[in-house]
Amino acid sequence: WPAFEKLFGKQGACAGCWCTYWRMPR
């Protein structure tokens, strides 16, 4: 997780998505 968190940065990649776009309703 720390490596993933560092890769995504403070903003969470893609404007704060944190790879949840496909996981929850819009």
mmCIF file of all heavy atoms, coordinates in Angstrom:
data_MODEL
# 
_entry.id   MODEL 
# 
loop_
_atom_site.group_PDB 
_atom_site.id 
_atom_site.type_symbol 
_atom_site.label_atom_id 
_atom_site.label_alt_id 
_atom_site.label_comp_id 
_atom_site.label_asym_id 
_atom_site.label_entity_id 
_atom_site.label_seq_id 
_atom_site.pdbx_PDB_ins_code 
_atom_site.Cartn_x 
_atom_site.Cartn_y 
_atom_site.Cartn_z 
_atom_site.occupancy 
_atom_site.B_iso_or_equiv 
_atom_site.pdbx_formal_charge 
_atom_site.auth_seq_id 
_atom_site.auth_comp_id 
_atom_site.auth_asym_id 
_atom_site.auth_atom_id 
_atom_site.pdbx_PDB_model_num 
ATOM 1   N N   . TRP A 1 1  ? 0.820   -1.217 0.000   1.00 0.00 ? 1  TRP A N   1 
ATOM 2   C CA  . TRP A 1 1  ? 0.000   0.000  0.000   1.00 0.00 ? 1  TRP A CA  1 
ATOM 3   C C   . TRP A 1 1  ? 0.858   1.273  0.000   1.00 0.00 ? 1  TRP A C   1 
ATOM 4   O O   . TRP A 1 1  ? 0.561   2.210  -0.755  1.00 0.00 ? 1  TRP A O   1 
ATOM 5   C CB  . TRP A 1 1  ? -0.992  0.011  1.160   1.00 0.00 ? 1  TRP A CB  1 
ATOM 6   C CG  . TRP A 1 1  ? -1.726  1.306  1.231   1.00 0.00 ? 1  TRP A CG  1 
ATOM 7   C CD1 . TRP A 1 1  ? -1.463  2.361  2.060   1.00 0.00 ? 1  TRP A CD1 1 
ATOM 8   C CD2 . TRP A 1 1  ? -2.816  1.730  0.397   1.00 0.00 ? 1  TRP A CD2 1 
ATOM 9   N NE1 . TRP A 1 1  ? -2.326  3.408  1.801   1.00 0.00 ? 1  TRP A NE1 1 
ATOM 10  C CE2 . TRP A 1 1  ? -3.168  3.044  0.777   1.00 0.00 ? 1  TRP A CE2 1 
ATOM 11  C CE3 . TRP A 1 1  ? -3.521  1.127  -0.651  1.00 0.00 ? 1  TRP A CE3 1 
ATOM 12  C CZ2 . TRP A 1 1  ? -4.189  3.762  0.179   1.00 0.00 ? 1  TRP A CZ2 1 
ATOM 13  C CZ3 . TRP A 1 1  ? -4.548  1.843  -1.261  1.00 0.00 ? 1  TRP A CZ3 1 
ATOM 14  C CH2 . TRP A 1 1  ? -4.866  3.147  -0.845  1.00 0.00 ? 1  TRP A CH2 1 
ATOM 15  N N   . PRO A 1 2  ? 1.925   1.367  0.812   1.00 0.00 ? 2  PRO A N   1 
ATOM 16  C CA  . PRO A 1 2  ? 2.721   2.604  0.788   1.00 0.00 ? 2  PRO A CA  1 
ATOM 17  C C   . PRO A 1 2  ? 3.284   2.930  -0.606  1.00 0.00 ? 2  PRO A C   1 
ATOM 18  O O   . PRO A 1 2  ? 3.335   4.101  -0.995  1.00 0.00 ? 2  PRO A O   1 
ATOM 19  C CB  . PRO A 1 2  ? 3.849   2.342  1.798   1.00 0.00 ? 2  PRO A CB  1 
ATOM 20  C CG  . PRO A 1 2  ? 3.260   1.342  2.750   1.00 0.00 ? 2  PRO A CG  1 
ATOM 21  C CD  . PRO A 1 2  ? 2.399   0.456  1.873   1.00 0.00 ? 2  PRO A CD  1 
ATOM 22  N N   . ALA A 1 3  ? 3.678   1.922  -1.363  1.00 0.00 ? 3  ALA A N   1 
ATOM 23  C CA  . ALA A 1 3  ? 4.193   2.154  -2.716  1.00 0.00 ? 3  ALA A CA  1 
ATOM 24  C C   . ALA A 1 3  ? 3.078   2.643  -3.637  1.00 0.00 ? 3  ALA A C   1 
ATOM 25  O O   . ALA A 1 3  ? 3.283   3.551  -4.460  1.00 0.00 ? 3  ALA A O   1 
ATOM 26  C CB  . ALA A 1 3  ? 4.826   0.883  -3.270  1.00 0.00 ? 3  ALA A CB  1 
ATOM 27  N N   . PHE A 1 4  ? 1.897   2.057  -3.496  1.00 0.00 ? 4  PHE A N   1 
ATOM 28  C CA  . PHE A 1 4  ? 0.735   2.479  -4.282  1.00 0.00 ? 4  PHE A CA  1 
ATOM 29  C C   . PHE A 1 4  ? 0.366   3.927  -3.932  1.00 0.00 ? 4  PHE A C   1 
ATOM 30  O O   . PHE A 1 4  ? 0.150   4.760  -4.815  1.00 0.00 ? 4  PHE A O   1 
ATOM 31  C CB  . PHE A 1 4  ? -0.441  1.541  -4.001  1.00 0.00 ? 4  PHE A CB  1 
ATOM 32  C CG  . PHE A 1 4  ? -1.712  1.924  -4.696  1.00 0.00 ? 4  PHE A CG  1 
ATOM 33  C CD1 . PHE A 1 4  ? -1.932  1.595  -6.026  1.00 0.00 ? 4  PHE A CD1 1 
ATOM 34  C CD2 . PHE A 1 4  ? -2.717  2.610  -4.022  1.00 0.00 ? 4  PHE A CD2 1 
ATOM 35  C CE1 . PHE A 1 4  ? -3.110  1.947  -6.664  1.00 0.00 ? 4  PHE A CE1 1 
ATOM 36  C CE2 . PHE A 1 4  ? -3.891  2.967  -4.648  1.00 0.00 ? 4  PHE A CE2 1 
ATOM 37  C CZ  . PHE A 1 4  ? -4.093  2.638  -5.971  1.00 0.00 ? 4  PHE A CZ  1 
ATOM 38  N N   . GLU A 1 5  ? 0.328   4.224  -2.650  1.00 0.00 ? 5  GLU A N   1 
ATOM 39  C CA  . GLU A 1 5  ? -0.013  5.560  -2.169  1.00 0.00 ? 5  GLU A CA  1 
ATOM 40  C C   . GLU A 1 5  ? 0.982   6.605  -2.689  1.00 0.00 ? 5  GLU A C   1 
ATOM 41  O O   . GLU A 1 5  ? 0.602   7.690  -3.131  1.00 0.00 ? 5  GLU A O   1 
ATOM 42  C CB  . GLU A 1 5  ? -0.029  5.540  -0.641  1.00 0.00 ? 5  GLU A CB  1 
ATOM 43  C CG  . GLU A 1 5  ? -0.519  6.792  0.012   1.00 0.00 ? 5  GLU A CG  1 
ATOM 44  C CD  . GLU A 1 5  ? -0.583  6.648  1.521   1.00 0.00 ? 5  GLU A CD  1 
ATOM 45  O OE1 . GLU A 1 5  ? 0.241   5.907  2.105   1.00 0.00 ? 5  GLU A OE1 1 
ATOM 46  O OE2 . GLU A 1 5  ? -1.450  7.295  2.112   1.00 0.00 ? 5  GLU A OE2 1 
ATOM 47  N N   . LYS A 1 6  ? 2.257   6.257  -2.682  1.00 0.00 ? 6  LYS A N   1 
ATOM 48  C CA  . LYS A 1 6  ? 3.285   7.173  -3.196  1.00 0.00 ? 6  LYS A CA  1 
ATOM 49  C C   . LYS A 1 6  ? 3.110   7.392  -4.699  1.00 0.00 ? 6  LYS A C   1 
ATOM 50  O O   . LYS A 1 6  ? 3.220   8.513  -5.188  1.00 0.00 ? 6  LYS A O   1 
ATOM 51  C CB  . LYS A 1 6  ? 4.673   6.613  -2.890  1.00 0.00 ? 6  LYS A CB  1 
ATOM 52  C CG  . LYS A 1 6  ? 5.796   7.514  -3.359  1.00 0.00 ? 6  LYS A CG  1 
ATOM 53  C CD  . LYS A 1 6  ? 7.155   6.931  -3.017  1.00 0.00 ? 6  LYS A CD  1 
ATOM 54  C CE  . LYS A 1 6  ? 8.270   7.825  -3.541  1.00 0.00 ? 6  LYS A CE  1 
ATOM 55  N NZ  . LYS A 1 6  ? 9.592   7.209  -3.348  1.00 0.00 ? 6  LYS A NZ  1 
ATOM 56  N N   . LEU A 1 7  ? 2.819   6.315  -5.444  1.00 0.00 ? 7  LEU A N   1 
ATOM 57  C CA  . LEU A 1 7  ? 2.602   6.420  -6.888  1.00 0.00 ? 7  LEU A CA  1 
ATOM 58  C C   . LEU A 1 7  ? 1.428   7.351  -7.190  1.00 0.00 ? 7  LEU A C   1 
ATOM 59  O O   . LEU A 1 7  ? 1.515   8.211  -8.065  1.00 0.00 ? 7  LEU A O   1 
ATOM 60  C CB  . LEU A 1 7  ? 2.337   5.038  -7.484  1.00 0.00 ? 7  LEU A CB  1 
ATOM 61  C CG  . LEU A 1 7  ? 1.908   4.995  -8.955  1.00 0.00 ? 7  LEU A CG  1 
ATOM 62  C CD1 . LEU A 1 7  ? 3.025   5.496  -9.865  1.00 0.00 ? 7  LEU A CD1 1 
ATOM 63  C CD2 . LEU A 1 7  ? 1.477   3.583  -9.344  1.00 0.00 ? 7  LEU A CD2 1 
ATOM 64  N N   . PHE A 1 8  ? 0.336   7.216  -6.463  1.00 0.00 ? 8  PHE A N   1 
ATOM 65  C CA  . PHE A 1 8  ? -0.860  8.013  -6.721  1.00 0.00 ? 8  PHE A CA  1 
ATOM 66  C C   . PHE A 1 8  ? -0.729  9.446  -6.219  1.00 0.00 ? 8  PHE A C   1 
ATOM 67  O O   . PHE A 1 8  ? -1.456  10.313 -6.673  1.00 0.00 ? 8  PHE A O   1 
ATOM 68  C CB  . PHE A 1 8  ? -2.092  7.322  -6.129  1.00 0.00 ? 8  PHE A CB  1 
ATOM 69  C CG  . PHE A 1 8  ? -2.755  6.374  -7.089  1.00 0.00 ? 8  PHE A CG  1 
ATOM 70  C CD1 . PHE A 1 8  ? -2.025  5.496  -7.866  1.00 0.00 ? 8  PHE A CD1 1 
ATOM 71  C CD2 . PHE A 1 8  ? -4.122  6.367  -7.209  1.00 0.00 ? 8  PHE A CD2 1 
ATOM 72  C CE1 . PHE A 1 8  ? -2.642  4.635  -8.755  1.00 0.00 ? 8  PHE A CE1 1 
ATOM 73  C CE2 . PHE A 1 8  ? -4.759  5.514  -8.096  1.00 0.00 ? 8  PHE A CE2 1 
ATOM 74  C CZ  . PHE A 1 8  ? -4.020  4.644  -8.874  1.00 0.00 ? 8  PHE A CZ  1 
ATOM 75  N N   . GLY A 1 9  ? 0.167   9.694  -5.281  1.00 0.00 ? 9  GLY A N   1 
ATOM 76  C CA  . GLY A 1 9  ? 0.410   11.048 -4.798  1.00 0.00 ? 9  GLY A CA  1 
ATOM 77  C C   . GLY A 1 9  ? -0.695  11.582 -3.901  1.00 0.00 ? 9  GLY A C   1 
ATOM 78  O O   . GLY A 1 9  ? -1.677  10.901 -3.619  1.00 0.00 ? 9  GLY A O   1 
ATOM 79  N N   . LYS A 1 10 ? -0.529  12.798 -3.470  1.00 0.00 ? 10 LYS A N   1 
ATOM 80  C CA  . LYS A 1 10 ? -1.482  13.412 -2.528  1.00 0.00 ? 10 LYS A CA  1 
ATOM 81  C C   . LYS A 1 10 ? -2.883  13.536 -3.114  1.00 0.00 ? 10 LYS A C   1 
ATOM 82  O O   . LYS A 1 10 ? -3.865  13.439 -2.394  1.00 0.00 ? 10 LYS A O   1 
ATOM 83  C CB  . LYS A 1 10 ? -0.985  14.793 -2.100  1.00 0.00 ? 10 LYS A CB  1 
ATOM 84  C CG  . LYS A 1 10 ? 0.216   14.745 -1.196  1.00 0.00 ? 10 LYS A CG  1 
ATOM 85  C CD  . LYS A 1 10 ? 0.638   16.135 -0.763  1.00 0.00 ? 10 LYS A CD  1 
ATOM 86  C CE  . LYS A 1 10 ? 1.869   16.026 0.125   1.00 0.00 ? 10 LYS A CE  1 
ATOM 87  N NZ  . LYS A 1 10 ? 2.276   17.322 0.648   1.00 0.00 ? 10 LYS A NZ  1 
ATOM 88  N N   . GLN A 1 11 ? -2.967  13.771 -4.421  1.00 0.00 ? 11 GLN A N   1 
ATOM 89  C CA  . GLN A 1 11 ? -4.280  13.970 -5.047  1.00 0.00 ? 11 GLN A CA  1 
ATOM 90  C C   . GLN A 1 11 ? -4.978  12.659 -5.406  1.00 0.00 ? 11 GLN A C   1 
ATOM 91  O O   . GLN A 1 11 ? -6.157  12.667 -5.734  1.00 0.00 ? 11 GLN A O   1 
ATOM 92  C CB  . GLN A 1 11 ? -4.134  14.835 -6.299  1.00 0.00 ? 11 GLN A CB  1 
ATOM 93  C CG  . GLN A 1 11 ? -3.574  16.203 -6.030  1.00 0.00 ? 11 GLN A CG  1 
ATOM 94  C CD  . GLN A 1 11 ? -4.400  16.983 -5.021  1.00 0.00 ? 11 GLN A CD  1 
ATOM 95  O OE1 . GLN A 1 11 ? -5.617  16.997 -5.068  1.00 0.00 ? 11 GLN A OE1 1 
ATOM 96  N NE2 . GLN A 1 11 ? -3.727  17.619 -4.075  1.00 0.00 ? 11 GLN A NE2 1 
ATOM 97  N N   . GLY A 1 12 ? -4.249  11.554 -5.383  1.00 0.00 ? 12 GLY A N   1 
ATOM 98  C CA  . GLY A 1 12 ? -4.885  10.274 -5.689  1.00 0.00 ? 12 GLY A CA  1 
ATOM 99  C C   . GLY A 1 12 ? -5.021  9.975  -7.161  1.00 0.00 ? 12 GLY A C   1 
ATOM 100 O O   . GLY A 1 12 ? -5.966  9.313  -7.571  1.00 0.00 ? 12 GLY A O   1 
ATOM 101 N N   . ALA A 1 13 ? -4.084  10.448 -7.970  1.00 0.00 ? 13 ALA A N   1 
ATOM 102 C CA  . ALA A 1 13 ? -4.127  10.272 -9.427  1.00 0.00 ? 13 ALA A CA  1 
ATOM 103 C C   . ALA A 1 13 ? -5.467  10.747 -9.968  1.00 0.00 ? 13 ALA A C   1 
ATOM 104 O O   . ALA A 1 13 ? -6.404  10.961 -9.215  1.00 0.00 ? 13 ALA A O   1 
ATOM 105 C CB  . ALA A 1 13 ? -3.858  8.817  -9.807  1.00 0.00 ? 13 ALA A CB  1 
ATOM 106 N N   . CYS A 1 14 ? -5.577  10.950 -11.201 1.00 0.00 ? 14 CYS A N   1 
ATOM 107 C CA  . CYS A 1 14 ? -6.839  11.270 -11.882 1.00 0.00 ? 14 CYS A CA  1 
ATOM 108 C C   . CYS A 1 14 ? -7.846  12.039 -11.016 1.00 0.00 ? 14 CYS A C   1 
ATOM 109 O O   . CYS A 1 14 ? -8.980  11.598 -10.804 1.00 0.00 ? 14 CYS A O   1 
ATOM 110 C CB  . CYS A 1 14 ? -7.460  9.998  -12.432 1.00 0.00 ? 14 CYS A CB  1 
ATOM 111 S SG  . CYS A 1 14 ? -6.354  9.123  -13.555 1.00 0.00 ? 14 CYS A SG  1 
ATOM 112 N N   . ALA A 1 15 ? -7.426  13.157 -10.459 1.00 0.00 ? 15 ALA A N   1 
ATOM 113 C CA  . ALA A 1 15 ? -8.302  14.068 -9.710  1.00 0.00 ? 15 ALA A CA  1 
ATOM 114 C C   . ALA A 1 15 ? -9.000  13.408 -8.524  1.00 0.00 ? 15 ALA A C   1 
ATOM 115 O O   . ALA A 1 15 ? -10.187 13.580 -8.309  1.00 0.00 ? 15 ALA A O   1 
ATOM 116 C CB  . ALA A 1 15 ? -9.313  14.717 -10.643 1.00 0.00 ? 15 ALA A CB  1 
ATOM 117 N N   . GLY A 1 16 ? -8.254  12.632 -7.772  1.00 0.00 ? 16 GLY A N   1 
ATOM 118 C CA  . GLY A 1 16 ? -8.800  12.046 -6.549  1.00 0.00 ? 16 GLY A CA  1 
ATOM 119 C C   . GLY A 1 16 ? -9.604  10.781 -6.737  1.00 0.00 ? 16 GLY A C   1 
ATOM 120 O O   . GLY A 1 16 ? -10.353 10.371 -5.850  1.00 0.00 ? 16 GLY A O   1 
ATOM 121 N N   . CYS A 1 17 ? -9.438  10.112 -7.848  1.00 0.00 ? 17 CYS A N   1 
ATOM 122 C CA  . CYS A 1 17 ? -10.201 8.903  -8.135  1.00 0.00 ? 17 CYS A CA  1 
ATOM 123 C C   . CYS A 1 17 ? -9.829  7.739  -7.208  1.00 0.00 ? 17 CYS A C   1 
ATOM 124 O O   . CYS A 1 17 ? -10.689 6.997  -6.766  1.00 0.00 ? 17 CYS A O   1 
ATOM 125 C CB  . CYS A 1 17 ? -9.991  8.489  -9.590  1.00 0.00 ? 17 CYS A CB  1 
ATOM 126 S SG  . CYS A 1 17 ? -10.836 6.962  -10.038 1.00 0.00 ? 17 CYS A SG  1 
ATOM 127 N N   . TRP A 1 18 ? -8.545  7.562  -6.968  1.00 0.00 ? 18 TRP A N   1 
ATOM 128 C CA  . TRP A 1 18 ? -8.059  6.426  -6.167  1.00 0.00 ? 18 TRP A CA  1 
ATOM 129 C C   . TRP A 1 18 ? -8.611  5.096  -6.690  1.00 0.00 ? 18 TRP A C   1 
ATOM 130 O O   . TRP A 1 18 ? -8.883  4.176  -5.935  1.00 0.00 ? 18 TRP A O   1 
ATOM 131 C CB  . TRP A 1 18 ? -8.356  6.615  -4.680  1.00 0.00 ? 18 TRP A CB  1 
ATOM 132 C CG  . TRP A 1 18 ? -7.484  7.653  -4.072  1.00 0.00 ? 18 TRP A CG  1 
ATOM 133 C CD1 . TRP A 1 18 ? -7.814  8.963  -3.846  1.00 0.00 ? 18 TRP A CD1 1 
ATOM 134 C CD2 . TRP A 1 18 ? -6.129  7.514  -3.642  1.00 0.00 ? 18 TRP A CD2 1 
ATOM 135 N NE1 . TRP A 1 18 ? -6.750  9.636  -3.310  1.00 0.00 ? 18 TRP A NE1 1 
ATOM 136 C CE2 . TRP A 1 18 ? -5.698  8.760  -3.166  1.00 0.00 ? 18 TRP A CE2 1 
ATOM 137 C CE3 . TRP A 1 18 ? -5.232  6.438  -3.611  1.00 0.00 ? 18 TRP A CE3 1 
ATOM 138 C CZ2 . TRP A 1 18 ? -4.408  8.986  -2.666  1.00 0.00 ? 18 TRP A CZ2 1 
ATOM 139 C CZ3 . TRP A 1 18 ? -3.969  6.648  -3.124  1.00 0.00 ? 18 TRP A CZ3 1 
ATOM 140 C CH2 . TRP A 1 18 ? -3.562  7.914  -2.652  1.00 0.00 ? 18 TRP A CH2 1 
ATOM 141 N N   . CYS A 1 19 ? -8.795  5.013  -7.991  1.00 0.00 ? 19 CYS A N   1 
ATOM 142 C CA  . CYS A 1 19 ? -9.232  3.780  -8.667  1.00 0.00 ? 19 CYS A CA  1 
ATOM 143 C C   . CYS A 1 19 ? -10.587 3.280  -8.143  1.00 0.00 ? 19 CYS A C   1 
ATOM 144 O O   . CYS A 1 19 ? -10.792 2.091  -7.945  1.00 0.00 ? 19 CYS A O   1 
ATOM 145 C CB  . CYS A 1 19 ? -8.158  2.699  -8.585  1.00 0.00 ? 19 CYS A CB  1 
ATOM 146 S SG  . CYS A 1 19 ? -7.953  1.876  -10.176 1.00 0.00 ? 19 CYS A SG  1 
ATOM 147 N N   . THR A 1 20 ? -11.503 4.218  -7.950  1.00 0.00 ? 20 THR A N   1 
ATOM 148 C CA  . THR A 1 20 ? -12.840 3.850  -7.487  1.00 0.00 ? 20 THR A CA  1 
ATOM 149 C C   . THR A 1 20 ? -13.923 4.078  -8.547  1.00 0.00 ? 20 THR A C   1 
ATOM 150 O O   . THR A 1 20 ? -15.080 3.725  -8.330  1.00 0.00 ? 20 THR A O   1 
ATOM 151 C CB  . THR A 1 20 ? -13.216 4.648  -6.214  1.00 0.00 ? 20 THR A CB  1 
ATOM 152 O OG1 . THR A 1 20 ? -13.175 6.044  -6.511  1.00 0.00 ? 20 THR A OG1 1 
ATOM 153 C CG2 . THR A 1 20 ? -12.278 4.320  -5.064  1.00 0.00 ? 20 THR A CG2 1 
ATOM 154 N N   . TYR A 1 21 ? -13.559 4.655  -9.681  1.00 0.00 ? 21 TYR A N   1 
ATOM 155 C CA  . TYR A 1 21 ? -14.538 5.013  -10.713 1.00 0.00 ? 21 TYR A CA  1 
ATOM 156 C C   . TYR A 1 21 ? -15.439 3.843  -11.108 1.00 0.00 ? 21 TYR A C   1 
ATOM 157 O O   . TYR A 1 21 ? -16.645 3.996  -11.236 1.00 0.00 ? 21 TYR A O   1 
ATOM 158 C CB  . TYR A 1 21 ? -13.811 5.567  -11.946 1.00 0.00 ? 21 TYR A CB  1 
ATOM 159 C CG  . TYR A 1 21 ? -14.728 5.991  -13.061 1.00 0.00 ? 21 TYR A CG  1 
ATOM 160 C CD1 . TYR A 1 21 ? -15.463 7.166  -12.952 1.00 0.00 ? 21 TYR A CD1 1 
ATOM 161 C CD2 . TYR A 1 21 ? -14.856 5.227  -14.208 1.00 0.00 ? 21 TYR A CD2 1 
ATOM 162 C CE1 . TYR A 1 21 ? -16.312 7.566  -13.978 1.00 0.00 ? 21 TYR A CE1 1 
ATOM 163 C CE2 . TYR A 1 21 ? -15.704 5.620  -15.234 1.00 0.00 ? 21 TYR A CE2 1 
ATOM 164 C CZ  . TYR A 1 21 ? -16.429 6.783  -15.119 1.00 0.00 ? 21 TYR A CZ  1 
ATOM 165 O OH  . TYR A 1 21 ? -17.271 7.174  -16.126 1.00 0.00 ? 21 TYR A OH  1 
ATOM 166 N N   . TRP A 1 22 ? -14.867 2.679  -11.331 1.00 0.00 ? 22 TRP A N   1 
ATOM 167 C CA  . TRP A 1 22 ? -15.641 1.510  -11.767 1.00 0.00 ? 22 TRP A CA  1 
ATOM 168 C C   . TRP A 1 22 ? -16.254 0.752  -10.587 1.00 0.00 ? 22 TRP A C   1 
ATOM 169 O O   . TRP A 1 22 ? -17.004 -0.185 -10.777 1.00 0.00 ? 22 TRP A O   1 
ATOM 170 C CB  . TRP A 1 22 ? -14.769 0.552  -12.577 1.00 0.00 ? 22 TRP A CB  1 
ATOM 171 C CG  . TRP A 1 22 ? -14.202 1.147  -13.823 1.00 0.00 ? 22 TRP A CG  1 
ATOM 172 C CD1 . TRP A 1 22 ? -12.886 1.383  -14.082 1.00 0.00 ? 22 TRP A CD1 1 
ATOM 173 C CD2 . TRP A 1 22 ? -14.909 1.574  -14.988 1.00 0.00 ? 22 TRP A CD2 1 
ATOM 174 N NE1 . TRP A 1 22 ? -12.740 1.938  -15.329 1.00 0.00 ? 22 TRP A NE1 1 
ATOM 175 C CE2 . TRP A 1 22 ? -13.966 2.058  -15.910 1.00 0.00 ? 22 TRP A CE2 1 
ATOM 176 C CE3 . TRP A 1 22 ? -16.258 1.590  -15.347 1.00 0.00 ? 22 TRP A CE3 1 
ATOM 177 C CZ2 . TRP A 1 22 ? -14.310 2.547  -17.162 1.00 0.00 ? 22 TRP A CZ2 1 
ATOM 178 C CZ3 . TRP A 1 22 ? -16.610 2.087  -16.592 1.00 0.00 ? 22 TRP A CZ3 1 
ATOM 179 C CH2 . TRP A 1 22 ? -15.636 2.557  -17.482 1.00 0.00 ? 22 TRP A CH2 1 
ATOM 180 N N   . ARG A 1 23 ? -15.925 1.154  -9.376  1.00 0.00 ? 23 ARG A N   1 
ATOM 181 C CA  . ARG A 1 23 ? -16.345 0.404  -8.190  1.00 0.00 ? 23 ARG A CA  1 
ATOM 182 C C   . ARG A 1 23 ? -17.625 0.903  -7.533  1.00 0.00 ? 23 ARG A C   1 
ATOM 183 O O   . ARG A 1 23 ? -18.192 0.214  -6.712  1.00 0.00 ? 23 ARG A O   1 
ATOM 184 C CB  . ARG A 1 23 ? -15.216 0.403  -7.158  1.00 0.00 ? 23 ARG A CB  1 
ATOM 185 C CG  . ARG A 1 23 ? -14.021 -0.371 -7.627  1.00 0.00 ? 23 ARG A CG  1 
ATOM 186 C CD  . ARG A 1 23 ? -12.907 -0.416 -6.597  1.00 0.00 ? 23 ARG A CD  1 
ATOM 187 N NE  . ARG A 1 23 ? -11.864 -1.284 -7.083  1.00 0.00 ? 23 ARG A NE  1 
ATOM 188 C CZ  . ARG A 1 23 ? -11.873 -2.601 -6.982  1.00 0.00 ? 23 ARG A CZ  1 
ATOM 189 N NH1 . ARG A 1 23 ? -12.839 -3.204 -6.370  1.00 0.00 ? 23 ARG A NH1 1 
ATOM 190 N NH2 . ARG A 1 23 ? -10.887 -3.320 -7.492  1.00 0.00 ? 23 ARG A NH2 1 
ATOM 191 N N   . MET A 1 24 ? -18.043 2.121  -7.819  1.00 0.00 ? 24 MET A N   1 
ATOM 192 C CA  . MET A 1 24 ? -19.229 2.672  -7.145  1.00 0.00 ? 24 MET A CA  1 
ATOM 193 C C   . MET A 1 24 ? -20.088 3.471  -8.111  1.00 0.00 ? 24 MET A C   1 
ATOM 194 O O   . MET A 1 24 ? -19.578 3.990  -9.103  1.00 0.00 ? 24 MET A O   1 
ATOM 195 C CB  . MET A 1 24 ? -18.821 3.508  -5.930  1.00 0.00 ? 24 MET A CB  1 
ATOM 196 C CG  . MET A 1 24 ? -17.866 4.632  -6.211  1.00 0.00 ? 24 MET A CG  1 
ATOM 197 S SD  . MET A 1 24 ? -17.400 5.621  -4.754  1.00 0.00 ? 24 MET A SD  1 
ATOM 198 C CE  . MET A 1 24 ? -16.423 4.510  -3.790  1.00 0.00 ? 24 MET A CE  1 
ATOM 199 N N   . PRO A 1 25 ? -21.392 3.576  -7.828  1.00 0.00 ? 25 PRO A N   1 
ATOM 200 C CA  . PRO A 1 25 ? -22.273 4.376  -8.687  1.00 0.00 ? 25 PRO A CA  1 
ATOM 201 C C   . PRO A 1 25 ? -21.764 5.807  -8.808  1.00 0.00 ? 25 PRO A C   1 
ATOM 202 O O   . PRO A 1 25 ? -21.143 6.342  -7.885  1.00 0.00 ? 25 PRO A O   1 
ATOM 203 C CB  . PRO A 1 25 ? -23.619 4.326  -7.959  1.00 0.00 ? 25 PRO A CB  1 
ATOM 204 C CG  . PRO A 1 25 ? -23.558 3.096  -7.123  1.00 0.00 ? 25 PRO A CG  1 
ATOM 205 C CD  . PRO A 1 25 ? -22.108 2.940  -6.728  1.00 0.00 ? 25 PRO A CD  1 
ATOM 206 N N   . ARG A 1 26 ? -22.057 6.431  -9.928  1.00 0.00 ? 26 ARG A N   1 
ATOM 207 C CA  . ARG A 1 26 ? -21.525 7.753  -10.250 1.00 0.00 ? 26 ARG A CA  1 
ATOM 208 C C   . ARG A 1 26 ? -21.763 8.789  -9.145  1.00 0.00 ? 26 ARG A C   1 
ATOM 209 O O   . ARG A 1 26 ? -20.869 9.542  -8.786  1.00 0.00 ? 26 ARG A O   1 
ATOM 210 C CB  . ARG A 1 26 ? -22.127 8.240  -11.582 1.00 0.00 ? 26 ARG A CB  1 
ATOM 211 C CG  . ARG A 1 26 ? -21.618 9.586  -12.036 1.00 0.00 ? 26 ARG A CG  1 
ATOM 212 C CD  . ARG A 1 26 ? -20.113 9.513  -12.290 1.00 0.00 ? 26 ARG A CD  1 
ATOM 213 N NE  . ARG A 1 26 ? -19.553 10.814 -12.525 1.00 0.00 ? 26 ARG A NE  1 
ATOM 214 C CZ  . ARG A 1 26 ? -18.939 11.154 -13.646 1.00 0.00 ? 26 ARG A CZ  1 
ATOM 215 N NH1 . ARG A 1 26 ? -18.827 10.299 -14.630 1.00 0.00 ? 26 ARG A NH1 1 
ATOM 216 N NH2 . ARG A 1 26 ? -18.433 12.334 -13.777 1.00 0.00 ? 26 ARG A NH2 1 
# 
